[in-house]
């Protein structure tokens, strides 16, 4: 294995450890389904909108989304809360 491959593996492991630690910290303050929802929303924001998507997850938490009946209603609620 060459140096570049080893560096990529090390960086990947570091990234996974940071992700794991963030999720463990999040699980201390939020139920598992809410923690997963926030992480998914954060990921959907890609680089430029991560903060906006996380804000949306906090404004419209998963506990509220679960109460909504269908996909169309959920989409409307997300769009309304997003502004």
PDB file of N, CA and C in Angstrom:
ATOM      1  N   UNK A   1       0.850  -1.171   0.000  1.00  0.00           N
ATOM      2  CA  UNK A   1       0.000   0.000   0.000  1.00  0.00           C
ATOM      3  C   UNK A   1       0.899   1.239   0.000  1.00  0.00           C
ATOM      4  N   UNK A   2       0.551   2.209  -0.815  1.00  0.00           N
ATOM      5  CA  UNK A   2       1.387   3.409  -0.906  1.00  0.00           C
ATOM      6  C   UNK A   2       0.997   4.450   0.146  1.00  0.00           C
ATOM      7  N   UNK A   3       1.801   5.488   0.253  1.00  0.00           N
ATOM      8  CA  UNK A   3       1.612   6.533   1.260  1.00  0.00           C
ATOM      9  C   UNK A   3       0.275   7.251   1.096  1.00  0.00           C
ATOM     10  N   UNK A   4      -0.113   7.515  -0.130  1.00  0.00           N
ATOM     11  CA  UNK A   4      -1.383   8.198  -0.384  1.00  0.00           C
ATOM     12  C   UNK A   4      -2.553   7.371   0.127  1.00  0.00           C
ATOM     13  N   UNK A   5      -2.526   6.087  -0.137  1.00  0.00           N
ATOM     14  CA  UNK A   5      -3.598   5.202   0.328  1.00  0.00           C
ATOM     15  C   UNK A   5      -3.659   5.165   1.846  1.00  0.00           C
ATOM     16  N   UNK A   6      -2.507   5.081   2.483  1.00  0.00           N
ATOM     17  CA  UNK A   6      -2.469   5.067   3.948  1.00  0.00           C
ATOM     18  C   UNK A   6      -2.997   6.375   4.526  1.00  0.00           C
ATOM     19  N   UNK A   7      -2.621   7.489   3.914  1.00  0.00           N
ATOM     20  CA  UNK A   7      -3.113   8.790   4.376  1.00  0.00           C
ATOM     21  C   UNK A   7      -4.625   8.887   4.234  1.00  0.00           C
ATOM     22  N   UNK A   8      -5.158   8.393   3.135  1.00  0.00           N
ATOM     23  CA  UNK A   8      -6.610   8.410   2.933  1.00  0.00           C
ATOM     24  C   UNK A   8      -7.317   7.556   3.976  1.00  0.00           C
ATOM     25  N   UNK A   9      -6.754   6.407   4.279  1.00  0.00           N
ATOM     26  CA  UNK A   9      -7.339   5.533   5.300  1.00  0.00           C
ATOM     27  C   UNK A   9      -7.316   6.229   6.662  1.00  0.00           C
ATOM     28  N   UNK A  10      -6.197   6.843   7.002  1.00  0.00           N
ATOM     29  CA  UNK A  10      -6.091   7.557   8.280  1.00  0.00           C
ATOM     30  C   UNK A  10      -7.075   8.720   8.360  1.00  0.00           C
ATOM     31  N   UNK A  11      -7.188   9.477   7.285  1.00  0.00           N
ATOM     32  CA  UNK A  11      -8.144  10.595   7.257  1.00  0.00           C
ATOM     33  C   UNK A  11      -9.578  10.095   7.358  1.00  0.00           C
ATOM     34  N   UNK A  12      -9.871   8.998   6.676  1.00  0.00           N
ATOM     35  CA  UNK A  12     -11.205   8.411   6.751  1.00  0.00           C
ATOM     36  C   UNK A  12     -11.535   7.951   8.155  1.00  0.00           C
ATOM     37  N   UNK A  13     -10.579   7.321   8.814  1.00  0.00           N
ATOM     38  CA  UNK A  13     -10.789   6.870  10.194  1.00  0.00           C
ATOM     39  C   UNK A  13     -11.002   8.045  11.137  1.00  0.00           C
ATOM     40  N   UNK A  14     -10.230   9.113  10.935  1.00  0.00           N
ATOM     41  CA  UNK A  14     -10.384  10.315  11.761  1.00  0.00           C
ATOM     42  C   UNK A  14     -11.775  10.918  11.559  1.00  0.00           C
ATOM     43  N   UNK A  15     -12.206  10.994  10.313  1.00  0.00           N
ATOM     44  CA  UNK A  15     -13.530  11.543   9.986  1.00  0.00           C
ATOM     45  C   UNK A  15     -14.633  10.715  10.655  1.00  0.00           C
ATOM     46  N   UNK A  16     -14.509   9.384  10.583  1.00  0.00           N
ATOM     47  CA  UNK A  16     -15.511   8.513  11.204  1.00  0.00           C
ATOM     48  C   UNK A  16     -15.538   8.676  12.720  1.00  0.00           C
ATOM     49  N   UNK A  17     -14.379   8.823  13.338  1.00  0.00           N
ATOM     50  CA  UNK A  17     -14.326   9.030  14.789  1.00  0.00           C
ATOM     51  C   UNK A  17     -15.016  10.331  15.174  1.00  0.00           C
ATOM     52  N   UNK A  18     -14.789  11.385  14.399  1.00  0.00           N
ATOM     53  CA  UNK A  18     -15.443  12.667  14.676  1.00  0.00           C
ATOM     54  C   UNK A  18     -16.955  12.556  14.513  1.00  0.00           C
ATOM     55  N   UNK A  19     -17.393  11.867  13.461  1.00  0.00           N
ATOM     56  CA  UNK A  19     -18.830  11.647  13.225  1.00  0.00           C
ATOM     57  C   UNK A  19     -19.446  10.875  14.389  1.00  0.00           C
ATOM     58  N   UNK A  20     -18.749   9.830  14.806  1.00  0.00           N
ATOM     59  CA  UNK A  20     -19.225   8.993  15.910  1.00  0.00           C
ATOM     60  C   UNK A  20     -19.345   9.817  17.190  1.00  0.00           C
ATOM     61  N   UNK A  21     -18.345  10.626  17.476  1.00  0.00           N
ATOM     62  CA  UNK A  21     -18.365  11.451  18.683  1.00  0.00           C
ATOM     63  C   UNK A  21     -19.511  12.462  18.633  1.00  0.00           C
ATOM     64  N   UNK A  22     -19.723  13.074  17.467  1.00  0.00           N
ATOM     65  CA  UNK A  22     -20.821  14.033  17.330  1.00  0.00           C
ATOM     66  C   UNK A  22     -22.160  13.353  17.575  1.00  0.00           C
ATOM     67  N   UNK A  23     -22.332  12.146  17.029  1.00  0.00           N
ATOM     68  CA  UNK A  23     -23.587  11.427  17.214  1.00  0.00           C
ATOM     69  C   UNK A  23     -23.760  11.008  18.678  1.00  0.00           C
ATOM     70  N   UNK A  24     -22.695  10.576  19.324  1.00  0.00           N
ATOM     71  CA  UNK A  24     -22.785  10.210  20.739  1.00  0.00           C
ATOM     72  C   UNK A  24     -23.185  11.411  21.582  1.00  0.00           C
ATOM     73  N   UNK A  25     -22.618  12.567  21.286  1.00  0.00           N
ATOM     74  CA  UNK A  25     -22.989  13.787  22.008  1.00  0.00           C
ATOM     75  C   UNK A  25     -24.443  14.160  21.748  1.00  0.00           C
ATOM     76  N   UNK A  26     -24.872  14.023  20.519  1.00  0.00           N
ATOM     77  CA  UNK A  26     -26.251  14.336  20.160  1.00  0.00           C
ATOM     78  C   UNK A  26     -27.229  13.402  20.870  1.00  0.00           C
ATOM     79  N   UNK A  27     -26.853  12.137  20.995  1.00  0.00           N
ATOM     80  CA  UNK A  27     -27.721  11.159  21.663  1.00  0.00           C
ATOM     81  C   UNK A  27     -27.864  11.440  23.160  1.00  0.00           C
ATOM     82  N   UNK A  28     -26.990  12.256  23.716  1.00  0.00           N
ATOM     83  CA  UNK A  28     -27.106  12.642  25.125  1.00  0.00           C
ATOM     84  C   UNK A  28     -28.237  13.639  25.333  1.00  0.00           C
ATOM     85  N   UNK A  29     -28.609  14.355  24.265  1.00  0.00           N
ATOM     86  CA  UNK A  29     -29.622  15.407  24.408  1.00  0.00           C
ATOM     87  C   UNK A  29     -30.880  15.163  23.576  1.00  0.00           C
ATOM     88  N   UNK A  30     -30.861  14.159  22.715  1.00  0.00           N
ATOM     89  CA  UNK A  30     -32.009  13.910  21.829  1.00  0.00           C
ATOM     90  C   UNK A  30     -32.258  12.409  21.717  1.00  0.00           C
ATOM     91  N   UNK A  31     -33.528  12.017  21.538  1.00  0.00           N
ATOM     92  CA  UNK A  31     -33.829  10.598  21.313  1.00  0.00           C
ATOM     93  C   UNK A  31     -33.191  10.118  20.002  1.00  0.00           C
ATOM     94  N   UNK A  32     -32.976   8.812  19.864  1.00  0.00           N
ATOM     95  CA  UNK A  32     -32.307   8.282  18.669  1.00  0.00           C
ATOM     96  C   UNK A  32     -32.938   8.704  17.345  1.00  0.00           C
ATOM     97  N   UNK A  33     -34.277   8.670  17.251  1.00  0.00           N
ATOM     98  CA  UNK A  33     -34.902   9.037  15.976  1.00  0.00           C
ATOM     99  C   UNK A  33     -34.686  10.516  15.652  1.00  0.00           C
ATOM    100  N   UNK A  34     -34.692  11.357  16.674  1.00  0.00           N
ATOM    101  CA  UNK A  34     -34.450  12.789  16.467  1.00  0.00           C
ATOM    102  C   UNK A  34     -32.993  13.033  16.074  1.00  0.00           C
ATOM    103  N   UNK A  35     -32.084  12.323  16.712  1.00  0.00           N
ATOM    104  CA  UNK A  35     -30.656  12.466  16.395  1.00  0.00           C
ATOM    105  C   UNK A  35     -30.390  12.069  14.943  1.00  0.00           C
ATOM    106  N   UNK A  36     -30.975  10.964  14.521  1.00  0.00           N
ATOM    107  CA  UNK A  36     -30.799  10.513  13.139  1.00  0.00           C
ATOM    108  C   UNK A  36     -31.390  11.520  12.160  1.00  0.00           C
ATOM    109  N   UNK A  37     -32.577  12.026  12.472  1.00  0.00           N
ATOM    110  CA  UNK A  37     -33.230  13.034  11.626  1.00  0.00           C
ATOM    111  C   UNK A  37     -32.338  14.267  11.466  1.00  0.00           C
ATOM    112  N   UNK A  38     -31.768  14.742  12.564  1.00  0.00           N
ATOM    113  CA  UNK A  38     -30.901  15.922  12.494  1.00  0.00           C
ATOM    114  C   UNK A  38     -29.671  15.658  11.636  1.00  0.00           C
ATOM    115  N   UNK A  39     -29.093  14.478  11.783  1.00  0.00           N
ATOM    116  CA  UNK A  39     -27.910  14.137  10.981  1.00  0.00           C
ATOM    117  C   UNK A  39     -28.258  14.024   9.499  1.00  0.00           C
ATOM    118  N   UNK A  40     -29.414  13.454   9.204  1.00  0.00           N
ATOM    119  CA  UNK A  40     -29.847  13.353   7.803  1.00  0.00           C
ATOM    120  C   UNK A  40     -30.072  14.749   7.226  1.00  0.00           C
ATOM    121  N   UNK A  41     -30.753  15.602   7.988  1.00  0.00           N
ATOM    122  CA  UNK A  41     -31.000  16.969   7.517  1.00  0.00           C
ATOM    123  C   UNK A  41     -29.678  17.708   7.308  1.00  0.00           C
ATOM    124  N   UNK A  42     -28.750  17.536   8.224  1.00  0.00           N
ATOM    125  CA  UNK A  42     -27.438  18.166   8.090  1.00  0.00           C
ATOM    126  C   UNK A  42     -26.758  17.702   6.810  1.00  0.00           C
ATOM    127  N   UNK A  43     -26.844  16.419   6.521  1.00  0.00           N
ATOM    128  CA  UNK A  43     -26.229  15.863   5.309  1.00  0.00           C
ATOM    129  C   UNK A  43     -26.913  16.369   4.044  1.00  0.00           C
ATOM    130  N   UNK A  44     -28.222  16.531   4.096  1.00  0.00           N
ATOM    131  CA  UNK A  44     -28.958  17.008   2.927  1.00  0.00           C
ATOM    132  C   UNK A  44     -28.610  18.452   2.578  1.00  0.00           C
ATOM    133  N   UNK A  45     -28.102  19.186   3.545  1.00  0.00           N
ATOM    134  CA  UNK A  45     -27.735  20.574   3.298  1.00  0.00           C
ATOM    135  C   UNK A  45     -26.486  20.738   2.467  1.00  0.00           C
ATOM    136  N   UNK A  46     -25.741  19.661   2.278  1.00  0.00           N
ATOM    137  CA  UNK A  46     -24.467  19.729   1.556  1.00  0.00           C
ATOM    138  C   UNK A  46     -23.623  20.862   2.134  1.00  0.00           C
ATOM    139  N   UNK A  47     -22.514  21.225   1.540  1.00  0.00           N
ATOM    140  CA  UNK A  47     -21.629  22.215   2.171  1.00  0.00           C
ATOM    141  C   UNK A  47     -22.247  23.601   2.395  1.00  0.00           C
ATOM    142  N   UNK A  48     -23.007  24.088   1.444  1.00  0.00           N
ATOM    143  CA  UNK A  48     -23.468  25.477   1.526  1.00  0.00           C
ATOM    144  C   UNK A  48     -24.692  25.678   2.420  1.00  0.00           C
ATOM    145  N   UNK A  49     -25.494  24.654   2.633  1.00  0.00           N
ATOM    146  CA  UNK A  49     -26.740  24.833   3.379  1.00  0.00           C
ATOM    147  C   UNK A  49     -26.847  23.973   4.630  1.00  0.00           C
ATOM    148  N   UNK A  50     -25.727  23.453   5.121  1.00  0.00           N
ATOM    149  CA  UNK A  50     -25.757  22.589   6.298  1.00  0.00           C
ATOM    150  C   UNK A  50     -26.439  23.276   7.480  1.00  0.00           C
ATOM    151  N   UNK A  51     -26.042  24.503   7.753  1.00  0.00           N
ATOM    152  CA  UNK A  51     -26.596  25.226   8.895  1.00  0.00           C
ATOM    153  C   UNK A  51     -28.093  25.447   8.706  1.00  0.00           C
ATOM    154  N   UNK A  52     -28.506  25.815   7.501  1.00  0.00           N
ATOM    155  CA  UNK A  52     -29.928  26.055   7.232  1.00  0.00           C
ATOM    156  C   UNK A  52     -30.754  24.790   7.429  1.00  0.00           C
ATOM    157  N   UNK A  53     -30.248  23.661   6.956  1.00  0.00           N
ATOM    158  CA  UNK A  53     -30.986  22.414   7.099  1.00  0.00           C
ATOM    159  C   UNK A  53     -31.034  21.963   8.555  1.00  0.00           C
ATOM    160  N   UNK A  54     -29.955  22.187   9.294  1.00  0.00           N
ATOM    161  CA  UNK A  54     -29.965  21.850  10.716  1.00  0.00           C
ATOM    162  C   UNK A  54     -30.955  22.740  11.454  1.00  0.00           C
ATOM    163  N   UNK A  55     -30.988  24.016  11.111  1.00  0.00           N
ATOM    164  CA  UNK A  55     -31.977  24.932  11.694  1.00  0.00           C
ATOM    165  C   UNK A  55     -33.388  24.451  11.415  1.00  0.00           C
ATOM    166  N   UNK A  56     -33.634  24.010  10.202  1.00  0.00           N
ATOM    167  CA  UNK A  56     -34.954  23.500   9.836  1.00  0.00           C
ATOM    168  C   UNK A  56     -35.302  22.276  10.676  1.00  0.00           C
ATOM    169  N   UNK A  57     -34.331  21.412  10.903  1.00  0.00           N
ATOM    170  CA  UNK A  57     -34.562  20.228  11.732  1.00  0.00           C
ATOM    171  C   UNK A  57     -34.898  20.622  13.165  1.00  0.00           C
ATOM    172  N   UNK A  58     -34.333  21.718  13.633  1.00  0.00           N
ATOM    173  CA  UNK A  58     -34.630  22.179  14.987  1.00  0.00           C
ATOM    174  C   UNK A  58     -35.980  22.891  15.051  1.00  0.00           C
ATOM    175  N   UNK A  59     -36.315  23.615  13.995  1.00  0.00           N
ATOM    176  CA  UNK A  59     -37.597  24.326  13.937  1.00  0.00           C
ATOM    177  C   UNK A  59     -38.759  23.346  13.789  1.00  0.00           C
ATOM    178  N   UNK A  60     -38.560  22.330  12.969  1.00  0.00           N
ATOM    179  CA  UNK A  60     -39.585  21.304  12.757  1.00  0.00           C
ATOM    180  C   UNK A  60     -38.975  19.952  13.128  1.00  0.00           C
ATOM    181  N   UNK A  61     -38.995  19.616  14.421  1.00  0.00           N
ATOM    182  CA  UNK A  61     -38.358  18.375  14.870  1.00  0.00           C
ATOM    183  C   UNK A  61     -39.093  17.128  14.386  1.00  0.00           C
ATOM    184  N   UNK A  62     -38.393  16.027  14.442  1.00  0.00           N
ATOM    185  CA  UNK A  62     -38.952  14.755  13.986  1.00  0.00           C
ATOM    186  C   UNK A  62     -40.206  14.383  14.770  1.00  0.00           C
ATOM    187  N   UNK A  63     -40.245  14.733  16.042  1.00  0.00           N
ATOM    188  CA  UNK A  63     -41.426  14.427  16.854  1.00  0.00           C
ATOM    189  C   UNK A  63     -42.683  15.072  16.272  1.00  0.00           C
ATOM    190  N   UNK A  64     -42.540  16.227  15.626  1.00  0.00           N
ATOM    191  CA  UNK A  64     -43.676  16.887  14.973  1.00  0.00           C
ATOM    192  C   UNK A  64     -43.972  16.263  13.612  1.00  0.00           C
ATOM    193  N   UNK A  65     -42.938  15.915  12.878  1.00  0.00           N
ATOM    194  CA  UNK A  65     -43.126  15.299  11.560  1.00  0.00           C
ATOM    195  C   UNK A  65     -43.874  13.973  11.683  1.00  0.00           C
ATOM    196  N   UNK A  66     -43.573  13.206  12.743  1.00  0.00           N
ATOM    197  CA  UNK A  66     -44.243  11.910  12.941  1.00  0.00           C
ATOM    198  C   UNK A  66     -45.755  12.059  13.070  1.00  0.00           C
ATOM    199  N   UNK A  67     -46.200  13.206  13.537  1.00  0.00           N
ATOM    200  CA  UNK A  67     -47.634  13.438  13.731  1.00  0.00           C
ATOM    201  C   UNK A  67     -48.363  13.730  12.418  1.00  0.00           C
ATOM    202  N   UNK A  68     -47.623  14.139  11.398  1.00  0.00           N
ATOM    203  CA  UNK A  68     -48.236  14.480  10.116  1.00  0.00           C
ATOM    204  C   UNK A  68     -48.589  13.211   9.355  1.00  0.00           C
ATOM    205  N   UNK A  69     -49.654  13.259   8.594  1.00  0.00           N
ATOM    206  CA  UNK A  69     -50.238  12.044   8.017  1.00  0.00           C
ATOM    207  C   UNK A  69     -49.645  11.592   6.688  1.00  0.00           C
ATOM    208  N   UNK A  70     -49.271  12.517   5.835  1.00  0.00           N
ATOM    209  CA  UNK A  70     -48.825  12.085   4.510  1.00  0.00           C
ATOM    210  C   UNK A  70     -47.654  12.928   4.016  1.00  0.00           C
ATOM    211  N   UNK A  71     -47.037  12.446   2.961  1.00  0.00           N
ATOM    212  CA  UNK A  71     -45.852  13.079   2.383  1.00  0.00           C
ATOM    213  C   UNK A  71     -46.125  14.527   1.980  1.00  0.00           C
ATOM    214  N   UNK A  72     -47.270  14.776   1.383  1.00  0.00           N
ATOM    215  CA  UNK A  72     -47.605  16.122   0.919  1.00  0.00           C
ATOM    216  C   UNK A  72     -47.673  17.096   2.099  1.00  0.00           C
ATOM    217  N   UNK A  73     -48.275  16.682   3.176  1.00  0.00           N
ATOM    218  CA  UNK A  73     -48.389  17.530   4.363  1.00  0.00           C
ATOM    219  C   UNK A  73     -47.012  17.801   4.968  1.00  0.00           C
ATOM    220  N   UNK A  74     -46.169  16.782   4.996  1.00  0.00           N
ATOM    221  CA  UNK A  74     -44.810  16.946   5.517  1.00  0.00           C
ATOM    222  C   UNK A  74     -44.037  17.943   4.660  1.00  0.00           C
ATOM    223  N   UNK A  75     -44.133  17.803   3.338  1.00  0.00           N
ATOM    224  CA  UNK A  75     -43.449  18.729   2.432  1.00  0.00           C
ATOM    225  C   UNK A  75     -43.927  20.162   2.653  1.00  0.00           C
ATOM    226  N   UNK A  76     -45.241  20.336   2.782  1.00  0.00           N
ATOM    227  CA  UNK A  76     -45.798  21.671   3.011  1.00  0.00           C
ATOM    228  C   UNK A  76     -45.277  22.258   4.319  1.00  0.00           C
ATOM    229  N   UNK A  77     -45.238  21.439   5.360  1.00  0.00           N
ATOM    230  CA  UNK A  77     -44.763  21.908   6.663  1.00  0.00           C
ATOM    231  C   UNK A  77     -43.291  22.314   6.597  1.00  0.00           C
ATOM    232  N   UNK A  78     -42.479  21.508   5.929  1.00  0.00           N
ATOM    233  CA  UNK A  78     -41.053  21.831   5.792  1.00  0.00           C
ATOM    234  C   UNK A  78     -40.854  23.122   5.001  1.00  0.00           C
ATOM    235  N   UNK A  79     -41.577  23.260   3.897  1.00  0.00           N
ATOM    236  CA  UNK A  79     -41.456  24.473   3.081  1.00  0.00           C
ATOM    237  C   UNK A  79     -41.935  25.706   3.843  1.00  0.00           C
ATOM    238  N   UNK A  80     -43.029  25.560   4.588  1.00  0.00           N
ATOM    239  CA  UNK A  80     -43.567  26.677   5.363  1.00  0.00           C
ATOM    240  C   UNK A  80     -42.566  27.117   6.430  1.00  0.00           C
ATOM    241  N   UNK A  81     -42.015  26.145   7.147  1.00  0.00           N
ATOM    242  CA  UNK A  81     -41.065  26.462   8.221  1.00  0.00           C
ATOM    243  C   UNK A  81     -39.738  26.983   7.676  1.00  0.00           C
ATOM    244  N   UNK A  82     -39.381  26.555   6.473  1.00  0.00           N
ATOM    245  CA  UNK A  82     -38.121  27.015   5.875  1.00  0.00           C
ATOM    246  C   UNK A  82     -38.209  28.487   5.470  1.00  0.00           C
ATOM    247  N   UNK A  83     -39.446  28.941   5.268  1.00  0.00           N
ATOM    248  CA  UNK A  83     -39.637  30.352   4.914  1.00  0.00           C
ATOM    249  C   UNK A  83     -39.695  30.519   3.487  1.00  0.00           C
TER     250      UNK A  83
END
